[in-house]
Amino acid sequence: MRERAGDDGVVEREIKRSRVTVWTPERPNIAPDDVVTFQGLMAGAVDGNIFLQATGVERAEESSDELL
């Protein structure tokens, strides 16, 4: 996610979605629209393609539209 404030003080947020391969013995208990945190996140690129892998994933806590 990227944030920037305009000249009028309004904060604009840009969110880019990416697929992440999670290497765990069991399927994580998350839904497609859940906000999550990744453990052991690794990134790489080959021929302009970005690859993201992690060793764990958990649902993140949310309160008042702000990520804790």
PDB file of N, CA and C in Angstrom:
ATOM      1  N   MET A   1       0.846  -1.168   0.000  1.00  0.00           N
ATOM      2  CA  MET A   1       0.000   0.000   0.000  1.00  0.00           C
ATOM      3  C   MET A   1       0.893   1.234   0.000  1.00  0.00           C
ATOM      4  N   ARG A   2       0.465   2.236  -0.719  1.00  0.00           N
ATOM      5  CA  ARG A   2       1.215   3.491  -0.769  1.00  0.00           C
ATOM      6  C   ARG A   2       0.261   4.623  -0.429  1.00  0.00           C
ATOM      7  N   GLU A   3       0.729   5.558   0.383  1.00  0.00           N
ATOM      8  CA  GLU A   3      -0.087   6.724   0.750  1.00  0.00           C
ATOM      9  C   GLU A   3       0.642   7.990   0.339  1.00  0.00           C
ATOM     10  N   ARG A   4      -0.147   8.995  -0.050  1.00  0.00           N
ATOM     11  CA  ARG A   4       0.433  10.313  -0.297  1.00  0.00           C
ATOM     12  C   ARG A   4      -0.642  11.357  -0.027  1.00  0.00           C
ATOM     13  N   ALA A   5      -0.209  12.512   0.461  1.00  0.00           N
ATOM     14  CA  ALA A   5      -1.131  13.605   0.758  1.00  0.00           C
ATOM     15  C   ALA A   5      -1.101  14.600  -0.389  1.00  0.00           C
ATOM     16  N   GLY A   6      -2.282  14.976  -0.866  1.00  0.00           N
ATOM     17  CA  GLY A   6      -2.381  15.965  -1.924  1.00  0.00           C
ATOM     18  C   GLY A   6      -2.192  17.363  -1.371  1.00  0.00           C
ATOM     19  N   ASP A   7      -2.166  18.357  -2.246  1.00  0.00           N
ATOM     20  CA  ASP A   7      -2.003  19.754  -1.837  1.00  0.00           C
ATOM     21  C   ASP A   7      -3.139  20.210  -0.921  1.00  0.00           C
ATOM     22  N   ASP A   8      -4.315  19.574  -1.061  1.00  0.00           N
ATOM     23  CA  ASP A   8      -5.456  19.948  -0.229  1.00  0.00           C
ATOM     24  C   ASP A   8      -5.475  19.201   1.110  1.00  0.00           C
ATOM     25  N   GLY A   9      -4.449  18.367   1.373  1.00  0.00           N
ATOM     26  CA  GLY A   9      -4.348  17.638   2.629  1.00  0.00           C
ATOM     27  C   GLY A   9      -5.056  16.296   2.645  1.00  0.00           C
ATOM     28  N   VAL A  10      -5.742  15.966   1.555  1.00  0.00           N
ATOM     29  CA  VAL A  10      -6.447  14.691   1.477  1.00  0.00           C
ATOM     30  C   VAL A  10      -5.433  13.577   1.232  1.00  0.00           C
ATOM     31  N   VAL A  11      -5.529  12.509   2.027  1.00  0.00           N
ATOM     32  CA  VAL A  11      -4.619  11.368   1.875  1.00  0.00           C
ATOM     33  C   VAL A  11      -5.196  10.402   0.849  1.00  0.00           C
ATOM     34  N   GLU A  12      -4.389  10.083  -0.147  1.00  0.00           N
ATOM     35  CA  GLU A  12      -4.783   9.120  -1.166  1.00  0.00           C
ATOM     36  C   GLU A  12      -4.027   7.826  -0.919  1.00  0.00           C
ATOM     37  N   ARG A  13      -4.736   6.713  -1.005  1.00  0.00           N
ATOM     38  CA  ARG A  13      -4.108   5.408  -0.801  1.00  0.00           C
ATOM     39  C   ARG A  13      -4.192   4.586  -2.078  1.00  0.00           C
ATOM     40  N   GLU A  14      -3.097   3.963  -2.423  1.00  0.00           N
ATOM     41  CA  GLU A  14      -3.053   3.071  -3.577  1.00  0.00           C
ATOM     42  C   GLU A  14      -2.684   1.688  -3.066  1.00  0.00           C
ATOM     43  N   ILE A  15      -3.496   0.710  -3.397  1.00  0.00           N
ATOM     44  CA  ILE A  15      -3.246  -0.660  -2.962  1.00  0.00           C
ATOM     45  C   ILE A  15      -2.998  -1.515  -4.194  1.00  0.00           C
ATOM     46  N   LYS A  16      -1.906  -2.257  -4.168  1.00  0.00           N
ATOM     47  CA  LYS A  16      -1.586  -3.164  -5.262  1.00  0.00           C
ATOM     48  C   LYS A  16      -1.643  -4.586  -4.713  1.00  0.00           C
ATOM     49  N   ARG A  17      -2.429  -5.423  -5.353  1.00  0.00           N
ATOM     50  CA  ARG A  17      -2.571  -6.808  -4.907  1.00  0.00           C
ATOM     51  C   ARG A  17      -1.548  -7.679  -5.627  1.00  0.00           C
ATOM     52  N   SER A  18      -0.998  -8.644  -4.889  1.00  0.00           N
ATOM     53  CA  SER A  18      -0.053  -9.604  -5.445  1.00  0.00           C
ATOM     54  C   SER A  18      -0.345 -10.980  -4.874  1.00  0.00           C
ATOM     55  N   ARG A  19      -0.070 -11.985  -5.624  1.00  0.00           N
ATOM     56  CA  ARG A  19      -0.199 -13.361  -5.130  1.00  0.00           C
ATOM     57  C   ARG A  19       1.047 -13.715  -4.339  1.00  0.00           C
ATOM     58  N   VAL A  20       0.846 -14.449  -3.251  1.00  0.00           N
ATOM     59  CA  VAL A  20       1.954 -14.898  -2.414  1.00  0.00           C
ATOM     60  C   VAL A  20       1.793 -16.400  -2.208  1.00  0.00           C
ATOM     61  N   THR A  21       2.841 -17.166  -2.487  1.00  0.00           N
ATOM     62  CA  THR A  21       2.841 -18.600  -2.211  1.00  0.00           C
ATOM     63  C   THR A  21       3.253 -18.782  -0.760  1.00  0.00           C
ATOM     64  N   VAL A  22       2.413 -19.469   0.021  1.00  0.00           N
ATOM     65  CA  VAL A  22       2.707 -19.704   1.435  1.00  0.00           C
ATOM     66  C   VAL A  22       3.035 -21.181   1.618  1.00  0.00           C
ATOM     67  N   TRP A  23       4.236 -21.446   2.138  1.00  0.00           N
ATOM     68  CA  TRP A  23       4.711 -22.809   2.340  1.00  0.00           C
ATOM     69  C   TRP A  23       4.435 -23.222   3.786  1.00  0.00           C
ATOM     70  N   THR A  24       3.302 -23.892   4.014  1.00  0.00           N
ATOM     71  CA  THR A  24       2.932 -24.395   5.332  1.00  0.00           C
ATOM     72  C   THR A  24       2.408 -25.818   5.187  1.00  0.00           C
ATOM     73  N   PRO A  25       2.486 -26.613   6.262  1.00  0.00           N
ATOM     74  CA  PRO A  25       1.983 -27.987   6.182  1.00  0.00           C
ATOM     75  C   PRO A  25       0.466 -28.055   5.997  1.00  0.00           C
ATOM     76  N   GLU A  26      -0.275 -27.038   6.492  1.00  0.00           N
ATOM     77  CA  GLU A  26      -1.730 -27.017   6.381  1.00  0.00           C
ATOM     78  C   GLU A  26      -2.177 -25.755   5.671  1.00  0.00           C
ATOM     79  N   ARG A  27      -3.342 -25.813   5.016  1.00  0.00           N
ATOM     80  CA  ARG A  27      -3.900 -24.648   4.326  1.00  0.00           C
ATOM     81  C   ARG A  27      -4.262 -23.569   5.347  1.00  0.00           C
ATOM     82  N   PRO A  28      -3.822 -22.325   5.141  1.00  0.00           N
ATOM     83  CA  PRO A  28      -4.155 -21.244   6.083  1.00  0.00           C
ATOM     84  C   PRO A  28      -5.660 -20.979   6.133  1.00  0.00           C
ATOM     85  N   ASN A  29      -6.167 -20.615   7.305  1.00  0.00           N
ATOM     86  CA  ASN A  29      -7.580 -20.346   7.502  1.00  0.00           C
ATOM     87  C   ASN A  29      -7.846 -18.855   7.288  1.00  0.00           C
ATOM     88  N   ILE A  30      -7.776 -18.418   6.017  1.00  0.00           N
ATOM     89  CA  ILE A  30      -8.012 -17.018   5.664  1.00  0.00           C
ATOM     90  C   ILE A  30      -8.937 -16.968   4.449  1.00  0.00           C
ATOM     91  N   ALA A  31      -9.608 -15.825   4.283  1.00  0.00           N
ATOM     92  CA  ALA A  31     -10.492 -15.607   3.142  1.00  0.00           C
ATOM     93  C   ALA A  31      -9.821 -14.647   2.163  1.00  0.00           C
ATOM     94  N   PRO A  32     -10.246 -14.635   0.898  1.00  0.00           N
ATOM     95  CA  PRO A  32      -9.609 -13.767  -0.104  1.00  0.00           C
ATOM     96  C   PRO A  32      -9.583 -12.276   0.257  1.00  0.00           C
ATOM     97  N   ASP A  33     -10.582 -11.773   0.978  1.00  0.00           N
ATOM     98  CA  ASP A  33     -10.614 -10.340   1.308  1.00  0.00           C
ATOM     99  C   ASP A  33     -10.040 -10.018   2.685  1.00  0.00           C
ATOM    100  N   ASP A  34      -9.467 -10.996   3.393  1.00  0.00           N
ATOM    101  CA  ASP A  34      -8.876 -10.745   4.708  1.00  0.00           C
ATOM    102  C   ASP A  34      -7.605  -9.905   4.585  1.00  0.00           C
ATOM    103  N   VAL A  35      -7.370  -9.065   5.572  1.00  0.00           N
ATOM    104  CA  VAL A  35      -6.098  -8.352   5.686  1.00  0.00           C
ATOM    105  C   VAL A  35      -5.186  -9.269   6.490  1.00  0.00           C
ATOM    106  N   VAL A  36      -4.004  -9.569   5.952  1.00  0.00           N
ATOM    107  CA  VAL A  36      -3.124 -10.555   6.584  1.00  0.00           C
ATOM    108  C   VAL A  36      -1.714 -10.014   6.788  1.00  0.00           C
ATOM    109  N   THR A  37      -0.964 -10.706   7.629  1.00  0.00           N
ATOM    110  CA  THR A  37       0.464 -10.461   7.769  1.00  0.00           C
ATOM    111  C   THR A  37       1.182 -11.752   7.393  1.00  0.00           C
ATOM    112  N   PHE A  38       2.353 -11.604   6.796  1.00  0.00           N
ATOM    113  CA  PHE A  38       3.135 -12.764   6.374  1.00  0.00           C
ATOM    114  C   PHE A  38       4.367 -12.907   7.254  1.00  0.00           C
ATOM    115  N   GLN A  39       4.747 -14.145   7.537  1.00  0.00           N
ATOM    116  CA  GLN A  39       5.981 -14.438   8.248  1.00  0.00           C
ATOM    117  C   GLN A  39       6.986 -15.000   7.242  1.00  0.00           C
ATOM    118  N   GLY A  40       8.235 -14.610   7.392  1.00  0.00           N
ATOM    119  CA  GLY A  40       9.285 -15.129   6.516  1.00  0.00           C
ATOM    120  C   GLY A  40       9.070 -14.780   5.060  1.00  0.00           C
ATOM    121  N   LEU A  41       8.642 -13.553   4.780  1.00  0.00           N
ATOM    122  CA  LEU A  41       8.355 -13.147   3.407  1.00  0.00           C
ATOM    123  C   LEU A  41       9.644 -13.045   2.597  1.00  0.00           C
ATOM    124  N   MET A  42       9.628 -13.635   1.409  1.00  0.00           N
ATOM    125  CA  MET A  42      10.773 -13.611   0.493  1.00  0.00           C
ATOM    126  C   MET A  42      10.287 -13.118  -0.864  1.00  0.00           C
ATOM    127  N   ALA A  43      11.083 -12.300  -1.521  1.00  0.00           N
ATOM    128  CA  ALA A  43      10.715 -11.766  -2.830  1.00  0.00           C
ATOM    129  C   ALA A  43      11.838 -12.014  -3.824  1.00  0.00           C
ATOM    130  N   GLY A  44      11.462 -12.210  -5.067  1.00  0.00           N
ATOM    131  CA  GLY A  44      12.442 -12.389  -6.128  1.00  0.00           C
ATOM    132  C   GLY A  44      11.823 -11.992  -7.460  1.00  0.00           C
ATOM    133  N   ALA A  45      12.665 -11.876  -8.471  1.00  0.00           N
ATOM    134  CA  ALA A  45      12.175 -11.509  -9.798  1.00  0.00           C
ATOM    135  C   ALA A  45      12.980 -12.256 -10.855  1.00  0.00           C
ATOM    136  N   VAL A  46      12.273 -12.705 -11.900  1.00  0.00           N
ATOM    137  CA  VAL A  46      12.895 -13.378 -13.037  1.00  0.00           C
ATOM    138  C   VAL A  46      12.221 -12.845 -14.295  1.00  0.00           C
ATOM    139  N   ASP A  47      13.005 -12.336 -15.208  1.00  0.00           N
ATOM    140  CA  ASP A  47      12.485 -11.815 -16.480  1.00  0.00           C
ATOM    141  C   ASP A  47      11.331 -10.827 -16.283  1.00  0.00           C
ATOM    142  N   GLY A  48      11.447  -9.963 -15.295  1.00  0.00           N
ATOM    143  CA  GLY A  48      10.434  -8.941 -15.057  1.00  0.00           C
ATOM    144  C   GLY A  48       9.221  -9.413 -14.272  1.00  0.00           C
ATOM    145  N   ASN A  49       9.153 -10.682 -13.913  1.00  0.00           N
ATOM    146  CA  ASN A  49       8.054 -11.216 -13.113  1.00  0.00           C
ATOM    147  C   ASN A  49       8.465 -11.258 -11.649  1.00  0.00           C
ATOM    148  N   ILE A  50       7.615 -10.725 -10.765  1.00  0.00           N
ATOM    149  CA  ILE A  50       7.907 -10.709  -9.339  1.00  0.00           C
ATOM    150  C   ILE A  50       7.276 -11.931  -8.684  1.00  0.00           C
ATOM    151  N   PHE A  51       8.039 -12.596  -7.811  1.00  0.00           N
ATOM    152  CA  PHE A  51       7.558 -13.758  -7.083  1.00  0.00           C
ATOM    153  C   PHE A  51       7.650 -13.486  -5.594  1.00  0.00           C
ATOM    154  N   LEU A  52       6.558 -13.763  -4.858  1.00  0.00           N
ATOM    155  CA  LEU A  52       6.529 -13.592  -3.416  1.00  0.00           C
ATOM    156  C   LEU A  52       6.215 -14.937  -2.778  1.00  0.00           C
ATOM    157  N   GLN A  53       7.004 -15.295  -1.742  1.00  0.00           N
ATOM    158  CA  GLN A  53       6.783 -16.533  -1.008  1.00  0.00           C
ATOM    159  C   GLN A  53       6.915 -16.234   0.477  1.00  0.00           C
ATOM    160  N   ALA A  54       6.202 -17.002   1.302  1.00  0.00           N
ATOM    161  CA  ALA A  54       6.256 -16.806   2.749  1.00  0.00           C
ATOM    162  C   ALA A  54       6.214 -18.162   3.442  1.00  0.00           C
ATOM    163  N   THR A  55       6.647 -18.184   4.697  1.00  0.00           N
ATOM    164  CA  THR A  55       6.623 -19.411   5.480  1.00  0.00           C
ATOM    165  C   THR A  55       5.423 -19.475   6.419  1.00  0.00           C
ATOM    166  N   GLY A  56       4.624 -18.398   6.468  1.00  0.00           N
ATOM    167  CA  GLY A  56       3.429 -18.384   7.306  1.00  0.00           C
ATOM    168  C   GLY A  56       2.564 -17.182   6.991  1.00  0.00           C
ATOM    169  N   VAL A  57       1.285 -17.262   7.405  1.00  0.00           N
ATOM    170  CA  VAL A  57       0.346 -16.160   7.193  1.00  0.00           C
ATOM    171  C   VAL A  57      -0.686 -16.185   8.314  1.00  0.00           C
ATOM    172  N   GLU A  58      -1.083 -14.999   8.789  1.00  0.00           N
ATOM    173  CA  GLU A  58      -2.114 -14.873   9.823  1.00  0.00           C
ATOM    174  C   GLU A  58      -3.003 -13.691   9.496  1.00  0.00           C
ATOM    175  N   ARG A  59      -4.261 -13.767   9.938  1.00  0.00           N
ATOM    176  CA  ARG A  59      -5.180 -12.644   9.798  1.00  0.00           C
ATOM    177  C   ARG A  59      -4.697 -11.505  10.675  1.00  0.00           C
ATOM    178  N   ALA A  60      -4.730 -10.275  10.153  1.00  0.00           N
ATOM    179  CA  ALA A  60      -4.320  -9.087  10.913  1.00  0.00           C
ATOM    180  C   ALA A  60      -5.526  -8.525  11.659  1.00  0.00           C
ATOM    181  N   GLU A  61      -5.261  -7.866  12.773  1.00  0.00           N
ATOM    182  CA  GLU A  61      -6.317  -7.216  13.544  1.00  0.00           C
ATOM    183  C   GLU A  61      -6.570  -5.844  12.940  1.00  0.00           C
ATOM    184  N   GLU A  62      -7.851  -5.459  12.843  1.00  0.00           N
ATOM    185  CA  GLU A  62      -8.213  -4.137  12.327  1.00  0.00           C
ATOM    186  C   GLU A  62      -9.097  -3.428  13.331  1.00  0.00           C
ATOM    187  N   SER A  63      -8.933  -2.104  13.422  1.00  0.00           N
ATOM    188  CA  SER A  63      -9.753  -1.287  14.316  1.00  0.00           C
ATOM    189  C   SER A  63      -9.805   0.120  13.759  1.00  0.00           C
ATOM    190  N   SER A  64     -10.995   0.675  13.637  1.00  0.00           N
ATOM    191  CA  SER A  64     -11.198   2.045  13.169  1.00  0.00           C
ATOM    192  C   SER A  64     -10.529   2.305  11.820  1.00  0.00           C
ATOM    193  N   ASP A  65     -10.630   1.367  10.899  1.00  0.00           N
ATOM    194  CA  ASP A  65     -10.059   1.511   9.553  1.00  0.00           C
ATOM    195  C   ASP A  65      -8.545   1.665   9.548  1.00  0.00           C
ATOM    196  N   GLU A  66      -7.892   1.382  10.632  1.00  0.00           N
ATOM    197  CA  GLU A  66      -6.427   1.473  10.686  1.00  0.00           C
ATOM    198  C   GLU A  66      -5.864   0.087  11.005  1.00  0.00           C
ATOM    199  N   LEU A  67      -4.831  -0.311  10.328  1.00  0.00           N
ATOM    200  CA  LEU A  67      -4.189  -1.585  10.561  1.00  0.00           C
ATOM    201  C   LEU A  67      -3.290  -1.462  11.784  1.00  0.00           C
ATOM    202  N   LEU A  68      -3.444  -2.393  12.721  1.00  0.00           N
ATOM    203  CA  LEU A  68      -2.613  -2.374  13.943  1.00  0.00           C
ATOM    204  C   LEU A  68      -1.379  -3.225  13.740  1.00  0.00           C
TER     205      LEU A  68
END
